[in-house]
Each structure stands twice: as structure tokens, then as C-alpha cells.
Protein backbone atom coordinates (compact mmCIF):
# COMPACT_ATOMS: atom_id res chain seq x y z
CA MET A 1 58.39 -38.94 -41.44
CA ASN A 2 55.30 -37.85 -39.50
CA ILE A 3 53.18 -39.82 -41.95
CA TRP A 4 55.16 -42.99 -41.28
CA ILE A 5 54.87 -42.46 -37.52
CA ALA A 6 51.11 -42.05 -37.84
CA GLY A 7 50.95 -45.16 -40.03
CA ALA A 8 52.79 -47.14 -37.36
CA ARG A 9 49.84 -46.34 -35.04
CA PRO A 10 51.83 -45.33 -31.94
CA ARG A 11 48.79 -45.64 -29.69
CA THR A 12 48.89 -49.42 -30.19
CA LEU A 13 52.48 -49.73 -28.99
CA ALA A 14 51.48 -49.95 -25.32
CA ALA A 15 50.31 -53.47 -26.16
CA ALA A 16 53.93 -54.36 -26.97
CA ILE A 17 55.53 -52.50 -24.07
CA ALA A 18 53.28 -53.64 -21.21
CA PRO A 19 54.04 -57.41 -21.39
CA VAL A 20 57.80 -56.76 -21.34
CA PHE A 21 57.45 -54.70 -18.17
CA ILE A 22 55.63 -57.52 -16.41
CA GLY A 23 57.82 -60.35 -17.66
CA THR A 24 60.98 -58.51 -16.67
CA SER A 25 59.72 -57.40 -13.25
CA LEU A 26 58.71 -60.96 -12.36
CA VAL A 27 62.40 -61.81 -12.48
CA THR A 28 63.15 -59.19 -9.85
CA ALA A 29 60.38 -60.56 -7.59
CA GLU A 30 62.23 -63.89 -7.62
CA GLY A 31 65.38 -62.18 -6.43
CA GLN A 32 67.25 -62.30 -9.72
CA GLY A 33 69.05 -59.41 -11.33
CA ILE A 34 67.71 -57.95 -14.57
CA ASN A 35 69.69 -58.62 -17.70
CA TRP A 36 69.13 -55.23 -19.30
CA ILE A 37 70.46 -56.25 -22.71
CA ASN A 38 67.99 -59.14 -22.92
CA ALA A 39 65.21 -56.93 -21.61
CA LEU A 40 65.87 -54.28 -24.26
CA LEU A 41 66.08 -56.92 -26.99
CA ALA A 42 62.73 -58.37 -25.89
CA LEU A 43 61.26 -54.87 -25.92
CA GLY A 44 62.70 -54.29 -29.40
CA VAL A 45 61.14 -57.50 -30.69
CA GLY A 46 57.73 -56.57 -29.27
CA LEU A 47 57.71 -53.01 -30.56
CA LEU A 48 59.03 -53.87 -34.02
CA LEU A 49 56.57 -56.72 -34.43
CA GLN A 50 53.68 -54.44 -33.47
CA ILE A 51 54.82 -51.82 -35.96
CA ALA A 52 55.35 -54.48 -38.65
CA VAL A 53 51.85 -55.87 -38.11
CA ASN A 54 50.36 -52.38 -38.32
CA TYR A 55 52.12 -51.70 -41.61
CA SER A 56 51.33 -55.11 -43.09
CA ASN A 57 47.65 -54.75 -42.15
CA ASP A 58 47.63 -51.31 -43.76
CA TYR A 59 49.11 -52.78 -46.93
CA SER A 60 46.94 -55.92 -47.13
CA ASP A 61 43.66 -54.23 -46.24
CA GLY A 62 44.55 -51.33 -48.52
CA ILE A 63 45.08 -53.41 -51.65
CA ARG A 64 41.91 -55.38 -50.93
CA GLY A 65 39.90 -52.19 -50.57
CA THR A 66 38.62 -53.10 -47.11
CA ASP A 67 40.14 -49.96 -45.58
CA ASP A 68 38.17 -47.58 -47.79
CA SER A 69 36.01 -45.01 -45.95
CA ARG A 70 37.09 -46.05 -42.46
CA VAL A 71 37.24 -44.12 -39.21
CA GLY A 72 40.15 -44.30 -36.80
CA PRO A 73 43.91 -44.16 -37.44
CA VAL A 74 45.27 -42.99 -40.76
CA ARG A 75 45.52 -45.68 -43.46
CA LEU A 76 48.56 -45.04 -45.62
CA VAL A 77 47.50 -47.12 -48.63
CA ALA A 78 43.76 -46.47 -48.57
CA SER A 79 44.28 -42.72 -48.16
CA GLY A 80 46.87 -42.60 -50.95
CA LEU A 81 49.51 -41.09 -48.68
CA LYS A 82 51.92 -43.91 -49.58
CA THR A 83 51.97 -46.51 -52.33
CA PRO A 84 51.23 -50.16 -51.51
CA GLN A 85 54.83 -51.13 -52.29
CA GLN A 86 56.22 -48.47 -49.96
CA VAL A 87 54.07 -49.69 -47.08
CA LYS A 88 54.87 -53.32 -47.86
CA ARG A 89 58.58 -52.46 -47.80
CA ALA A 90 58.17 -50.71 -44.44
CA ALA A 91 56.46 -53.82 -43.06
CA PHE A 92 59.23 -56.12 -44.31
CA ILE A 93 61.94 -53.85 -42.87
CA SER A 94 60.17 -53.86 -39.51
CA TYR A 95 59.82 -57.66 -39.58
CA PHE A 96 63.51 -57.96 -40.47
CA LEU A 97 64.60 -55.72 -37.60
CA ALA A 98 62.34 -57.66 -35.21
CA ALA A 99 63.87 -60.90 -36.45
CA LEU A 100 67.37 -59.49 -35.99
CA CYS A 101 66.63 -58.53 -32.37
CA GLY A 102 65.08 -61.94 -31.84
CA LEU A 103 68.07 -63.72 -33.34
CA ILE A 104 70.49 -61.91 -31.06
CA LEU A 105 68.24 -62.68 -28.09
CA SER A 106 68.06 -66.36 -29.03
CA ILE A 107 71.85 -66.55 -29.29
CA ARG A 108 72.06 -65.11 -25.80
CA THR A 109 69.35 -67.40 -24.40
CA SER A 110 67.82 -70.33 -26.29
CA PRO A 111 67.39 -71.35 -29.97
CA VAL A 112 63.76 -72.12 -29.17
CA LEU A 113 63.10 -68.40 -29.51
CA ILE A 114 64.02 -68.59 -33.21
CA LEU A 115 61.11 -70.95 -33.87
CA ILE A 116 58.70 -68.88 -31.77
CA GLY A 117 59.81 -65.70 -33.50
CA ALA A 118 59.36 -67.23 -36.95
CA ILE A 119 55.83 -68.35 -36.08
CA ALA A 120 55.05 -64.88 -34.73
CA ILE A 121 56.22 -63.22 -37.96
CA ILE A 122 54.17 -65.61 -40.09
CA ALA A 123 51.14 -64.98 -37.88
CA GLY A 124 51.66 -61.23 -38.17
CA TRP A 125 51.77 -61.26 -41.97
CA THR A 126 48.94 -63.77 -42.55
CA TYR A 127 46.56 -61.95 -40.20
CA THR A 128 45.37 -59.88 -43.16
CA GLY A 129 47.89 -60.96 -45.82
CA GLY A 130 48.14 -63.96 -48.11
CA ARG A 131 45.41 -65.83 -49.93
CA LYS A 132 43.42 -66.81 -46.84
CA PRO A 133 44.06 -64.27 -44.06
CA TYR A 134 42.83 -65.69 -40.78
CA GLY A 135 41.84 -62.23 -39.56
CA TYR A 136 39.10 -62.35 -42.20
CA SER A 137 37.79 -65.57 -40.64
CA GLY A 138 37.44 -64.43 -37.04
CA PHE A 139 40.68 -65.76 -35.53
CA GLY A 140 42.44 -62.44 -34.97
CA GLU A 141 41.60 -62.20 -31.28
CA PHE A 142 42.96 -65.69 -30.62
CA SER A 143 46.24 -64.79 -32.32
CA VAL A 144 46.56 -61.52 -30.40
CA PHE A 145 45.93 -63.29 -27.09
CA VAL A 146 48.64 -65.83 -27.85
CA PHE A 147 51.35 -63.58 -29.31
CA PHE A 148 50.78 -60.22 -27.60
CA GLY A 149 49.73 -61.80 -24.33
CA LEU A 150 51.19 -65.22 -23.61
CA VAL A 151 54.26 -65.15 -25.85
CA ALA A 152 55.17 -61.51 -25.16
CA THR A 153 54.90 -61.77 -21.37
CA MET A 154 56.21 -65.29 -20.87
CA GLY A 155 58.86 -64.75 -23.55
CA SER A 156 60.15 -61.63 -21.78
CA TYR A 157 60.33 -63.61 -18.55
CA PHE A 158 62.02 -66.54 -20.29
CA ALA A 159 64.62 -64.20 -21.80
CA GLN A 160 65.67 -63.35 -18.25
CA SER A 161 65.17 -66.60 -16.35
CA GLN A 162 65.44 -69.36 -19.00
CA LYS A 163 62.26 -70.97 -17.63
CA ILE A 164 58.47 -70.85 -17.81
CA THR A 165 56.37 -70.79 -14.63
CA TRP A 166 52.71 -70.68 -13.66
CA GLN A 167 53.31 -67.17 -12.35
CA SER A 168 54.41 -65.94 -15.78
CA LEU A 169 51.36 -67.62 -17.33
CA LEU A 170 48.98 -65.98 -14.84
CA LEU A 171 50.46 -62.52 -15.43
CA ALA A 172 50.27 -63.03 -19.20
CA ILE A 173 46.49 -63.49 -19.11
CA PRO A 174 45.50 -59.84 -18.40
CA MET A 175 47.95 -58.66 -21.04
CA GLY A 176 46.43 -61.01 -23.62
CA ALA A 177 42.86 -60.20 -22.61
CA LEU A 178 43.42 -56.43 -22.85
CA SER A 179 45.24 -56.74 -26.19
CA CYS A 180 42.23 -58.75 -27.42
CA SER A 181 39.94 -56.04 -26.08
CA ILE A 182 41.75 -53.41 -28.15
CA LEU A 183 41.37 -55.50 -31.30
CA GLY A 184 37.80 -56.42 -30.39
CA LEU A 185 36.81 -52.77 -29.95
CA ASN A 186 38.48 -51.92 -33.24
CA ASN A 187 36.52 -54.69 -34.97
CA LEU A 188 33.27 -53.67 -33.26
CA ARG A 189 33.79 -50.12 -34.53
CA ASP A 190 34.38 -51.39 -38.07
CA ARG A 191 31.83 -54.24 -37.97
CA PRO A 192 29.19 -52.79 -40.35
CA LYS A 193 31.75 -51.92 -43.03
CA ASP A 194 33.71 -55.15 -42.55
CA GLU A 195 30.51 -57.12 -43.07
CA LEU A 196 29.83 -55.28 -46.33
CA VAL A 197 33.28 -56.11 -47.78
CA GLY A 198 33.32 -59.72 -46.60
CA LYS A 199 35.83 -59.28 -43.78
CA ASN A 200 34.36 -61.77 -41.33
CA THR A 201 36.06 -60.69 -38.12
CA LEU A 202 34.90 -62.18 -34.83
CA ALA A 203 32.72 -59.10 -34.31
CA VAL A 204 30.99 -59.81 -37.64
CA ARG A 205 30.55 -63.48 -36.79
CA LEU A 206 29.18 -62.80 -33.30
CA GLY A 207 26.98 -59.88 -34.31
CA ASP A 208 26.72 -56.60 -32.42
CA SER A 209 25.29 -58.02 -29.19
CA GLY A 210 27.60 -61.04 -29.14
CA ALA A 211 30.68 -58.90 -29.83
CA ARG A 212 29.83 -56.63 -26.91
CA SER A 213 29.30 -59.59 -24.57
CA PHE A 214 32.64 -61.03 -25.67
CA LEU A 215 34.41 -57.73 -24.93
CA ILE A 216 32.87 -57.52 -21.46
CA ALA A 217 33.95 -61.12 -20.80
CA LEU A 218 37.52 -60.23 -21.82
CA LEU A 219 37.55 -57.28 -19.42
CA LEU A 220 36.26 -59.46 -16.59
CA LEU A 221 38.95 -62.04 -17.37
CA SER A 222 41.61 -59.34 -17.33
CA PHE A 223 40.50 -57.94 -13.98
CA THR A 224 40.11 -61.37 -12.39
CA ALA A 225 43.57 -62.50 -13.54
CA SER A 226 45.13 -59.22 -12.43
CA LEU A 227 43.58 -59.56 -8.99
CA ALA A 228 44.68 -63.21 -8.83
CA ALA A 229 48.25 -61.92 -8.94
CA VAL A 230 47.92 -61.55 -5.14
CA THR A 231 48.99 -65.21 -5.11
CA ILE A 232 52.36 -63.96 -6.32
CA SER A 233 52.49 -60.70 -4.38
CA PRO A 234 50.04 -59.30 -1.82
CA TRP A 235 50.90 -55.86 -3.20
CA ALA A 236 49.00 -56.82 -6.35
CA LEU A 237 45.85 -55.62 -4.59
CA ILE A 238 46.91 -52.24 -5.93
CA VAL A 239 45.23 -53.20 -9.23
CA LEU A 240 41.93 -52.37 -7.52
CA VAL A 241 42.60 -48.75 -8.51
CA THR A 242 41.84 -49.78 -12.12
CA ILE A 243 38.18 -50.44 -11.29
CA PRO A 244 37.06 -47.01 -12.62
CA PHE A 245 38.68 -47.84 -15.99
CA TYR A 246 36.79 -51.13 -16.19
CA TYR A 247 33.56 -49.40 -15.20
CA ILE A 248 33.94 -46.79 -17.94
CA LEU A 249 34.73 -49.45 -20.53
CA VAL A 250 31.93 -51.84 -19.59
CA LYS A 251 29.44 -48.98 -19.42
CA GLY A 252 30.54 -47.65 -22.81
CA ILE A 253 30.44 -51.05 -24.48
CA SER A 254 27.05 -52.02 -23.04
CA SER A 255 25.55 -48.62 -23.87
CA GLY A 256 25.58 -49.41 -27.58
CA LEU A 257 28.18 -46.89 -28.76
CA THR A 258 29.10 -47.37 -32.42
CA GLY A 259 31.54 -46.09 -35.03
CA PRO A 260 33.73 -43.11 -34.06
CA ALA A 261 32.10 -43.01 -30.61
CA LEU A 262 34.08 -46.16 -29.74
CA ILE A 263 37.46 -44.52 -30.41
CA PRO A 264 37.77 -43.04 -26.88
CA LEU A 265 37.18 -46.53 -25.48
CA LEU A 266 40.04 -47.84 -27.60
CA SER A 267 42.36 -45.24 -26.11
CA LYS A 268 41.08 -45.98 -22.61
CA THR A 269 41.75 -49.70 -23.07
CA GLY A 270 45.33 -49.01 -24.12
CA GLU A 271 45.76 -46.80 -21.06
CA LEU A 272 44.29 -49.53 -18.87
CA GLN A 273 46.71 -52.12 -20.24
CA LEU A 274 49.74 -49.92 -19.60
CA LEU A 275 48.48 -48.91 -16.15
CA THR A 276 47.84 -52.56 -15.22
CA ALA A 277 51.35 -53.48 -16.30
CA LEU A 278 52.88 -50.62 -14.32
CA LEU A 279 50.89 -51.49 -11.19
CA ILE A 280 51.81 -55.17 -11.35
CA THR A 281 55.42 -54.23 -12.04
CA PHE A 282 55.36 -51.97 -8.97
CA ALA A 283 53.85 -54.78 -6.88
CA LEU A 284 56.51 -57.25 -7.99
CA ILE A 285 59.32 -54.80 -7.25
CA LEU A 286 57.90 -54.25 -3.75
CA THR A 287 57.79 -58.01 -3.28
CA LYS A 288 61.51 -58.20 -3.82
CA ALA A 289 62.09 -55.34 -1.39
């Protein structure tokens, strides 16, 4: 069981939890009560989709051989800890459970969520799976921004309020930018080996210098959007306490760290995303009070 937990990459799960916190807390700032069943279903969808994507990437990269001799989290297929079929089955089970949570949520809210959920599952599988995985063509960051930023945050809000607002869009931006930063750092770490095996991630396409500039731009976007949340709640100024995190990340990225030396920055980015979500959630709760 510990092997499966490691393969699910628990450190990445903050990217699924954080948007749900923000989307749900925005409802409270508007004076509405939280529908805890819908909130938990939205959280279940996010977590299960993240786990499913992690397993499906492990499977697809493993059978292609692009995960051989990598640093970072354990790879179940590449390391031989599990067979490709076992990992593929785990991915499908996770996608099924995510779809089940999504179906129940759509019945309780809107059938539109069925279509969005189906697109999200297809995007999750074809990131590294299928004949032409878009993650191998440099579109992974775009997908992560959309599904783990915009859709996750605005979808969690929609599950509570049955509407989409500019406030939910604004608060989704830092979540998407930080999720992209996690993927971007991962791809920067793996860039030399990805280039050798023909995995043309955005980091490969941009080159080392371009990939670092892109990551810094994402962090600036995240901080700017987080600070802009003062238009929703003056308490959002509390996000200023995250400045040391941004400083550490920008300094580390611009210093030229490579390979395993980037792993601490990955962890720090995940911590920053969760902290940002908690701070904005706190600000929105105070707004209601």
C-alpha cells in the first residue's frame, strides 16, 4: 500500500485541495451558507483527478521509456515496482471514482459539469497517453492552468452558487499560475533527459533560460492576482506574508539550479500554493464576519 501512496505523489495533492478551499470560501464571503456535501464532492473530484493523472502519467511515460533514470518521485512502472497494467488499472479506477463524484455533483447542481468533467478526464489521460500526447508538445502548462486553476476554483464556486463571477475568475488565476509553476519546475528539472528522449515539454521548447523566465513570470502573475484580491476583500492584503516564499523561489530559479537541486523548490511551490489558498480563504471568511 505504501508503494501505491508514493506512486500517487501525495505532495502534488495540494494543487487539488487549494482551489476547492478558495472556491468554497468565496461563497461565504457573499453571505451564503456552505453546502458541505457539494464541497466534499468537489474536493473528491479534484483529489481523485490529480491521483488519476499521476498514475496515468506514470503508466504512459513508463511504457515509453521516458521515465528511465529520473530524479524526483518514485515511478512505479519505470522502477519495476508495479507492472504497467497494474498502474493503468489504478489510473482507470481513480478516473472512475472521480467521474462518480462528478456525476453525483452534477445531479445536485447542473448537467454542464458532466461535460466539463468528461473533458477534464480526456485531458488528464492524453497529457502523456495516446498516440499524440499533448504534454510531449509543450501544452501541459496550458492544460494545468485551465483544469487545476480555472476549472477547479471556479467549478468549486459554481458547485455552491450555481454561477460564475469575475471574483471567482480572479481568485482562480493564482491557483492556476502556481499549479503551472509546479509542473514547470518539474519539467525544468527533467529538461535535459526529456530532450534526449524526444519529450518536447515547454521547458525543452523554451530552453533553459526561457523556461526560467517563464517560471518567474508565472510567480509574478500569481502574486499580482493574489494581491488584486483586495478588490474582493481588504483582508486579502494578508497575502503579503508570502513574499519570502516568492523571493526564495525566484532566487532559486534565477540562480541556475538544475536536476535534484530543484526538488526543494518544487516542495516550496506546493507549500506556497496551499498557504496562498489558506490566506485568501481566511480573508474571505473575515469579509463575511
